[in-house]
Protein backbone atom coordinates (compact mmCIF):
# COMPACT_ATOMS: atom_id res chain seq x y z
CA MET A 1 -6.72 12.48 6.50
CA ILE A 2 -6.78 9.87 3.73
CA PRO A 3 -8.68 6.84 5.13
CA ARG A 4 -6.39 3.90 5.86
CA LEU A 5 -7.21 0.29 5.05
CA ILE A 6 -5.63 -1.00 8.25
CA THR A 7 -8.37 0.71 10.33
CA ASP A 8 -10.56 -2.38 10.58
CA SER A 9 -7.61 -4.49 11.75
CA LEU A 10 -6.72 -1.82 14.30
CA LEU A 11 -10.26 -1.69 15.72
CA ALA A 12 -10.52 -5.48 15.81
CA ALA A 13 -7.23 -5.72 17.71
CA ALA A 14 -8.32 -3.11 20.25
CA ALA A 15 -11.49 -5.10 20.89
CA GLU A 16 -9.50 -8.25 21.64
CA TYR A 17 -6.30 -7.09 23.39
CA PRO A 18 -5.58 -4.66 26.23
CA VAL A 19 -2.63 -3.25 24.24
CA VAL A 20 -2.26 -2.60 20.51
CA THR A 21 1.22 -1.88 19.18
CA LEU A 22 1.45 -0.16 15.78
CA THR A 23 4.88 0.07 14.20
CA GLY A 24 6.02 1.51 10.91
CA PRO A 25 8.36 4.00 9.26
CA ARG A 26 8.54 7.65 10.17
CA GLN A 27 5.87 9.77 8.49
CA ALA A 28 3.77 6.74 7.46
CA GLY A 29 0.77 8.25 9.28
CA LYS A 30 0.75 6.23 12.54
CA THR A 31 0.01 9.16 14.85
CA THR A 32 -2.67 10.66 12.60
CA LEU A 33 -4.33 7.26 12.27
CA VAL A 34 -4.46 6.25 15.95
CA ARG A 35 -5.66 9.69 17.05
CA ALA A 36 -8.45 9.55 14.45
CA VAL A 37 -9.46 5.95 15.23
CA PHE A 38 -9.29 6.37 19.02
CA PRO A 39 -10.47 9.95 19.67
CA GLU A 40 -11.47 9.12 23.28
CA HIS A 41 -7.89 8.14 24.17
CA ARG A 42 -5.54 10.62 25.83
CA TYR A 43 -2.35 11.24 23.85
CA CYS A 44 1.31 11.43 24.91
CA ASN A 45 4.19 11.89 22.48
CA LEU A 46 7.36 10.51 24.05
CA GLU A 47 9.51 12.51 21.63
CA ASN A 48 8.59 15.41 23.95
CA PRO A 49 11.65 15.80 26.25
CA GLU A 50 9.60 16.77 29.31
CA LEU A 51 7.19 13.84 28.97
CA ARG A 52 10.08 11.48 28.23
CA ARG A 53 11.98 12.64 31.32
CA LEU A 54 8.95 12.19 33.55
CA ALA A 55 8.19 8.75 32.10
CA SER A 56 11.80 7.66 32.64
CA GLU A 57 12.37 9.11 36.10
CA ASP A 58 8.95 8.73 37.70
CA PRO A 59 6.71 6.30 35.79
CA LYS A 60 4.24 6.07 38.67
CA GLN A 61 3.67 9.83 38.56
CA PHE A 62 3.53 9.70 34.75
CA PHE A 63 0.64 7.21 34.81
CA HIS A 64 -1.05 9.14 37.62
CA LEU A 65 -1.14 12.19 35.35
CA HIS A 66 -1.86 10.30 32.12
CA ARG A 67 -4.58 7.74 32.69
CA GLU A 68 -5.78 5.14 30.24
CA PRO A 69 -7.24 4.83 27.70
CA LEU A 70 -3.95 6.25 26.45
CA ILE A 71 -1.98 6.56 23.22
CA LEU A 72 1.78 6.47 23.78
CA ASP A 73 3.56 7.66 20.66
CA GLU A 74 7.15 6.51 19.94
CA ILE A 75 7.14 4.12 22.89
CA GLN A 76 10.64 2.83 22.00
CA ARG A 77 11.98 6.10 23.45
CA VAL A 78 11.05 4.88 26.98
CA PRO A 79 10.88 1.06 26.75
CA GLU A 80 10.89 0.71 30.55
CA LEU A 81 7.29 1.92 30.52
CA LEU A 82 6.25 -1.42 29.06
CA SER A 83 6.75 -3.23 32.40
CA TRP A 84 4.47 -0.71 34.08
CA ILE A 85 1.89 -1.15 31.30
CA GLN A 86 2.00 -4.89 31.90
CA VAL A 87 1.12 -4.41 35.57
CA ARG A 88 -1.68 -1.97 34.77
CA VAL A 89 -3.37 -4.11 32.11
CA ASP A 90 -3.13 -7.20 34.31
CA GLU A 91 -4.91 -5.30 37.08
CA GLU A 92 -7.53 -3.51 34.99
CA LYS A 93 -8.16 -6.15 32.26
CA ARG A 94 -9.53 -3.50 29.92
CA LYS A 95 -9.50 -4.02 26.16
CA GLY A 96 -7.82 -1.32 24.09
CA ALA A 97 -6.48 0.45 27.16
CA PHE A 98 -3.15 1.32 25.55
CA ILE A 99 -2.32 2.11 21.93
CA LEU A 100 1.43 2.15 21.38
CA THR A 101 3.28 3.38 18.28
CA GLY A 102 6.93 3.04 17.36
CA SER A 103 9.39 3.52 14.52
CA HIS A 104 12.18 1.13 15.51
CA GLN A 105 10.88 -2.36 15.01
CA LEU A 106 13.79 -4.37 16.44
CA ARG A 107 14.15 -2.39 19.66
CA LEU A 108 10.42 -2.23 20.17
CA HIS A 109 9.74 -5.88 19.37
CA GLU A 110 12.40 -6.99 21.79
CA ALA A 111 10.92 -4.87 24.60
CA VAL A 112 7.33 -5.88 23.79
CA SER A 113 8.16 -9.57 23.62
CA GLN A 114 9.68 -9.38 27.09
CA SER A 115 7.00 -7.33 28.83
CA LEU A 116 3.73 -7.66 26.89
CA ALA A 117 3.80 -11.19 25.50
CA GLY A 118 0.19 -12.34 25.05
CA ARG A 119 -1.15 -8.91 26.00
CA THR A 120 -0.66 -6.96 22.76
CA ALA A 121 -1.57 -7.22 19.10
CA LEU A 122 1.26 -6.23 16.75
CA LEU A 123 0.37 -4.37 13.55
CA ARG A 124 2.54 -2.62 10.97
CA LEU A 125 1.55 0.48 9.03
CA LEU A 126 3.43 1.35 5.86
CA PRO A 127 2.94 4.54 3.80
CA LEU A 128 -0.16 4.98 1.65
CA SER A 129 -1.17 2.25 -0.78
CA ILE A 130 -2.44 2.75 -4.32
CA ARG A 131 -5.90 1.62 -3.20
CA GLU A 132 -5.92 4.26 -0.47
CA LEU A 133 -4.81 6.99 -2.84
CA GLU A 134 -7.40 6.09 -5.44
CA ALA A 135 -10.18 5.81 -2.84
CA SER A 136 -9.34 9.40 -1.85
CA GLY A 137 -9.77 10.54 -5.44
CA THR A 138 -6.06 10.60 -6.36
CA SER A 139 -5.27 8.59 -9.49
CA ILE A 140 -1.78 8.98 -10.91
CA ASP A 141 0.24 6.91 -13.39
CA LYS A 142 3.08 4.56 -12.57
CA ASN A 143 5.89 7.03 -13.23
CA GLU A 144 4.33 9.69 -11.06
CA LEU A 145 3.80 7.07 -8.36
CA LEU A 146 7.49 6.18 -8.52
CA HIS A 147 8.60 9.81 -8.32
CA ARG A 148 6.12 11.06 -5.70
CA GLY A 149 6.01 7.89 -3.64
CA PHE A 150 3.46 7.29 -0.90
CA LEU A 151 4.28 9.42 2.16
CA PRO A 152 0.93 10.91 3.30
CA ARG A 153 2.24 14.47 3.73
CA ILE A 154 3.43 14.63 0.12
CA HIS A 155 -0.13 13.95 -1.07
CA ASP A 156 -2.06 15.73 1.70
CA ASP A 157 -0.02 18.93 1.41
CA ALA A 158 0.97 18.73 -2.31
CA LEU A 159 4.67 18.89 -1.42
CA ASP A 160 7.50 18.89 -3.96
CA ALA A 161 8.56 15.26 -3.87
CA SER A 162 12.31 15.77 -4.35
CA ALA A 163 12.53 18.37 -1.59
CA ALA A 164 10.30 16.27 0.67
CA TYR A 165 12.51 13.19 0.35
CA ALA A 166 15.68 15.22 0.87
CA ASN A 167 14.18 16.55 4.12
CA TYR A 168 12.87 13.11 5.05
CA PHE A 169 16.30 11.60 4.62
CA ARG A 170 18.12 14.28 6.62
CA THR A 171 15.49 14.57 9.34
CA TYR A 172 14.44 10.96 9.92
CA VAL A 173 16.72 8.42 8.28
CA GLU A 174 19.96 9.98 9.49
CA ARG A 175 18.55 10.70 12.96
CA ASP A 176 17.27 7.17 13.44
CA VAL A 177 20.59 5.73 12.34
CA ARG A 178 22.43 7.94 14.83
CA GLN A 179 20.09 6.83 17.63
CA LEU A 180 20.69 3.16 16.88
CA MET A 181 24.44 3.14 16.37
CA GLU A 182 27.61 5.23 16.39
CA LEU A 183 27.99 6.29 12.78
CA ARG A 184 31.52 7.54 12.18
CA ASN A 185 31.28 8.40 8.50
CA GLN A 186 27.96 9.77 7.31
CA GLN A 187 29.15 10.11 3.71
CA LEU A 188 30.05 6.41 3.42
CA PHE A 189 26.66 5.46 4.85
CA GLU A 190 24.90 7.64 2.28
CA THR A 191 27.04 6.08 -0.48
CA PHE A 192 25.92 2.65 0.71
CA LEU A 193 22.28 3.70 0.60
CA ARG A 194 22.61 5.06 -2.94
CA LEU A 195 24.36 1.88 -4.09
CA LEU A 196 21.60 -0.14 -2.43
CA ALA A 197 19.00 1.88 -4.37
CA GLY A 198 20.92 1.02 -7.53
CA ARG A 199 20.51 -2.68 -6.72
CA VAL A 200 16.85 -2.60 -5.76
CA GLY A 201 15.12 -5.87 -6.53
CA GLN A 202 18.37 -7.82 -6.68
CA PRO A 203 20.06 -10.26 -4.29
CA VAL A 204 22.79 -8.17 -2.68
CA ASN A 205 26.32 -9.42 -2.03
CA LEU A 206 27.43 -7.32 0.93
CA SER A 207 31.06 -8.47 0.71
CA ALA A 208 31.32 -7.24 -2.88
CA LEU A 209 29.43 -4.05 -2.05
CA GLY A 210 31.80 -3.38 0.83
CA GLY A 211 34.63 -3.00 -1.67
CA GLU A 212 32.69 -0.29 -3.51
CA VAL A 213 31.77 1.59 -0.33
CA GLY A 214 35.17 1.21 1.31
CA VAL A 215 34.07 -0.59 4.48
CA SER A 216 33.88 -4.24 5.49
CA GLY A 217 31.00 -6.54 4.62
CA THR A 218 30.46 -6.92 8.38
CA THR A 219 29.89 -3.18 8.73
CA LEU A 220 27.47 -3.18 5.80
CA LYS A 221 25.58 -6.06 7.42
CA GLN A 222 25.18 -3.92 10.54
CA TRP A 223 24.08 -0.92 8.48
CA LEU A 224 21.56 -3.01 6.56
CA SER A 225 20.12 -4.31 9.83
CA ILE A 226 19.68 -0.72 11.06
CA LEU A 227 17.93 0.23 7.80
CA GLU A 228 15.55 -2.67 8.27
CA THR A 229 14.97 -1.78 11.91
CA SER A 230 14.03 1.76 10.84
CA PHE A 231 11.71 0.47 8.07
CA VAL A 232 13.82 2.09 5.34
CA VAL A 233 14.34 -1.22 3.48
CA PHE A 234 13.02 -4.75 3.76
CA ARG A 235 14.22 -8.14 2.59
CA LEU A 236 12.17 -10.39 0.33
CA PRO A 237 13.31 -13.96 1.13
CA PRO A 238 13.72 -16.62 -1.53
CA TYR A 239 11.41 -19.62 -1.59
CA TYR A 240 13.52 -22.77 -1.71
CA ARG A 241 11.91 -25.36 0.51
CA ASN A 242 12.16 -28.86 -0.91
CA PHE A 243 13.55 -27.55 -4.21
CA GLY A 244 17.09 -28.88 -3.77
CA LYS A 245 20.32 -26.89 -3.76
CA ARG A 246 20.20 -25.23 -7.17
CA LEU A 247 18.25 -22.18 -6.11
CA VAL A 248 19.34 -18.66 -5.17
CA LYS A 249 19.15 -18.36 -1.39
CA SER A 250 20.10 -14.71 -0.80
CA PRO A 251 17.21 -12.30 -0.13
CA LYS A 252 16.39 -9.38 -2.38
CA ILE A 253 16.40 -5.83 -1.01
CA TYR A 254 13.54 -3.39 -1.56
CA PHE A 255 12.81 0.10 -0.27
CA THR A 256 9.69 0.53 1.86
CA GLU A 257 9.21 3.88 0.11
CA PRO A 258 9.88 3.75 -3.66
CA GLY A 259 9.97 7.56 -3.75
CA LEU A 260 13.00 7.54 -1.45
CA ALA A 261 14.76 5.05 -3.72
CA CYS A 262 14.13 7.36 -6.69
CA TRP A 263 15.46 10.36 -4.76
CA LEU A 264 18.60 8.45 -3.81
CA LEU A 265 19.14 7.69 -7.51
CA GLY A 266 18.82 11.36 -8.42
CA ILE A 267 15.44 10.99 -10.19
CA GLU A 268 13.66 14.37 -9.97
CA SER A 269 10.54 13.92 -12.11
CA ALA A 270 8.10 11.35 -13.40
CA SER A 271 9.56 11.65 -16.91
CA GLU A 272 13.04 10.88 -15.54
CA ALA A 273 11.60 7.84 -13.76
CA SER A 274 10.13 6.59 -17.04
CA ARG A 275 13.51 6.78 -18.80
CA ASP A 276 15.77 5.60 -16.03
CA PRO A 277 17.74 2.40 -16.73
CA LEU A 278 16.41 1.03 -13.43
CA HIS A 279 12.77 1.77 -14.30
CA GLY A 280 11.84 -1.94 -14.34
CA ASN A 281 13.49 -2.56 -10.97
CA LEU A 282 11.83 0.47 -9.40
CA PHE A 283 8.45 -0.56 -10.80
CA GLU A 284 8.97 -4.04 -9.34
CA ASN A 285 9.79 -2.40 -5.99
CA LEU A 286 6.54 -0.43 -6.18
CA VAL A 287 4.41 -3.53 -6.82
CA VAL A 288 6.20 -5.73 -4.26
CA VAL A 289 5.67 -3.15 -1.53
CA GLU A 290 2.01 -2.84 -2.59
CA ALA A 291 1.69 -6.58 -2.03
CA LEU A 292 3.32 -6.20 1.38
CA LYS A 293 0.93 -3.37 2.30
CA ALA A 294 -2.07 -5.46 1.28
CA ARG A 295 -1.06 -8.25 3.65
CA LEU A 296 -0.14 -5.97 6.57
CA ASN A 297 -3.26 -3.79 6.22
CA ALA A 298 -5.34 -6.97 6.52
CA GLY A 299 -3.50 -7.80 9.74
CA ARG A 300 -1.81 -10.84 8.19
CA GLU A 301 1.73 -12.10 7.91
CA PRO A 302 3.24 -11.32 4.48
CA ARG A 303 4.18 -14.88 3.36
CA LEU A 304 5.78 -13.30 0.31
CA TYR A 305 8.87 -14.69 -1.41
CA PHE A 306 10.66 -14.72 -4.75
CA TRP A 307 12.01 -17.68 -6.73
CA GLN A 308 15.13 -17.94 -8.87
CA ASP A 309 16.97 -21.04 -10.04
CA SER A 310 20.58 -21.52 -11.12
CA HIS A 311 19.63 -20.82 -14.76
CA ARG A 312 18.32 -17.38 -13.71
CA ASN A 313 14.72 -18.34 -14.29
CA GLU A 314 12.87 -16.14 -11.85
CA VAL A 315 9.40 -15.34 -10.52
CA ASP A 316 9.19 -11.91 -8.90
CA LEU A 317 6.73 -12.88 -6.16
CA VAL A 318 5.59 -16.18 -4.71
CA PHE A 319 2.66 -16.00 -2.30
CA GLU A 320 1.99 -18.88 0.05
CA ARG A 321 -1.71 -19.53 0.78
CA GLN A 322 -2.77 -22.62 2.71
CA ARG A 323 0.58 -24.26 1.89
CA ARG A 324 -0.04 -23.76 -1.83
CA LEU A 325 2.15 -21.43 -3.88
CA ILE A 326 0.81 -18.70 -6.14
CA PRO A 327 3.43 -17.26 -8.54
CA ILE A 328 3.18 -13.59 -9.54
CA GLU A 329 5.14 -11.93 -12.35
CA ILE A 330 5.62 -8.15 -12.36
CA LYS A 331 6.19 -6.32 -15.65
CA SER A 332 6.42 -2.58 -16.30
CA ALA A 333 5.33 -3.07 -19.94
CA MET A 334 2.10 -1.51 -21.17
CA THR A 335 1.62 -3.93 -24.08
CA TRP A 336 0.50 -7.47 -23.37
CA HIS A 337 2.38 -10.41 -24.83
CA ARG A 338 2.28 -13.96 -23.59
CA ASP A 339 6.09 -13.95 -23.23
CA LEU A 340 5.49 -11.87 -20.10
CA ALA A 341 4.26 -15.09 -18.46
CA ALA A 342 7.20 -17.27 -19.57
CA ASN A 343 8.96 -17.54 -16.20
CA LEU A 344 5.66 -18.07 -14.42
CA LEU A 345 5.04 -21.13 -16.57
CA LYS A 346 8.58 -22.40 -15.88
CA PHE A 347 7.90 -22.13 -12.14
CA GLN A 348 4.66 -24.07 -12.50
CA ARG A 349 6.52 -26.83 -14.34
CA SER A 350 9.00 -26.97 -11.46
CA VAL A 351 6.22 -26.96 -8.85
CA PRO A 352 3.40 -29.11 -10.26
CA ASP A 353 1.03 -28.39 -7.35
CA ALA A 354 1.39 -24.59 -7.66
CA GLN A 355 -1.87 -22.73 -8.06
CA PRO A 356 -2.68 -20.60 -11.14
CA GLY A 357 -0.67 -17.40 -10.97
CA PHE A 358 -0.94 -13.76 -11.98
CA VAL A 359 0.88 -11.40 -14.33
CA LEU A 360 0.74 -7.79 -13.08
CA TYR A 361 1.58 -5.17 -15.70
CA ALA A 362 0.74 -1.59 -16.76
CA GLY A 363 -1.47 -2.33 -19.78
CA ASP A 364 -5.21 -2.59 -20.38
CA LEU A 365 -5.71 -6.12 -21.81
CA PHE A 366 -6.47 -8.81 -19.22
CA PRO A 367 -6.61 -12.32 -20.72
CA GLU A 368 -6.94 -15.43 -18.57
CA THR A 369 -5.73 -19.00 -19.13
CA GLU A 370 -5.77 -22.13 -17.00
CA HIS A 371 -2.30 -21.23 -15.76
CA TYR A 372 -2.59 -17.50 -15.01
CA ALA A 373 -4.73 -14.38 -15.00
CA VAL A 374 -3.47 -10.99 -16.17
CA ARG A 375 -4.22 -7.99 -13.94
CA HIS A 376 -3.34 -4.31 -13.79
CA PHE A 377 -0.56 -3.61 -11.31
CA LYS A 378 -2.87 -1.37 -9.28
CA ASP A 379 -4.93 -4.47 -8.52
CA ALA A 380 -2.01 -6.27 -6.86
CA SER A 381 -3.84 -6.42 -3.52
CA VAL A 382 -6.70 -8.43 -5.06
CA CYS A 383 -4.31 -11.33 -5.63
CA LEU A 384 -3.22 -11.48 -2.01
CA VAL A 385 -6.17 -11.09 0.38
């Protein structure tokens, strides 16, 4: 197993709370991680039909047979167990008694907020980060990172990336969607996903996109919500507080797994990724999700935004630290030029109390000025924790 940076946050949470809930996309490594970090815990996978039936029909017998400390994998499959867990932790008052994992964040968060408020820590695990890959001895360039992505099994088992994402999509994405809603036309849903991949890193107009897909904007809004719930995509909100009305206020859409976005676009190799017209957008996706991983692995809220005004001046990332804003520009270029920082400087002129920012790019020159520091994109996490 490739060591995961969230481990310290996971151990700290288990020392403070009776229940720790770890959510994240399918195949991100949740099960492997919790079983490695908590080897003394018993383990139950609620995807197992027999265990799921027992837990649903006779929870008292289930807990008689499966005593804590206990890992319950895919807890959203039997959310009624959470009320029984509440009773048990209130009686026993034991830290780290239950470790819960789940892949449907909306359904699970609703159930947890009702039954385990104040009793559980909530953590999110995304696929491998660049730091985790490099710490394991795997160092690959940006185009290979885009093509292969970050699913642990692809790197652990040296899988063919294109075949792995095809299987991942059919096995997990489609199944999760079917579990969460009645999907009448699978082909239209896949068309929507591919069009969404083609707009990665852009504010998305669902009404306009509905015309291309052939369904209503309302339906696409529901589909997008399901994709977020299943950790397939996430929204990066705009930062517009106190900036007036001349700012873009629609969120941008990014894929949690850049490799899946590449597969949806038909990219089958690192060289194709390097030449693709959307290379810059995909590279931006990669760095934005690295920033998100850095915050979540540290057990912190993301507090990540983007900024764009009516003149299309834009900063790719804005990080809020202690109510001060740190602008971050993301560039796929390998050659440094100060023009790469142009929008960052425009943002700082608009926000006089903004802190010095960062330019993240793929080159090897790293100048610093009073307004910004230049860093390699693989060092994105250093800017955020």
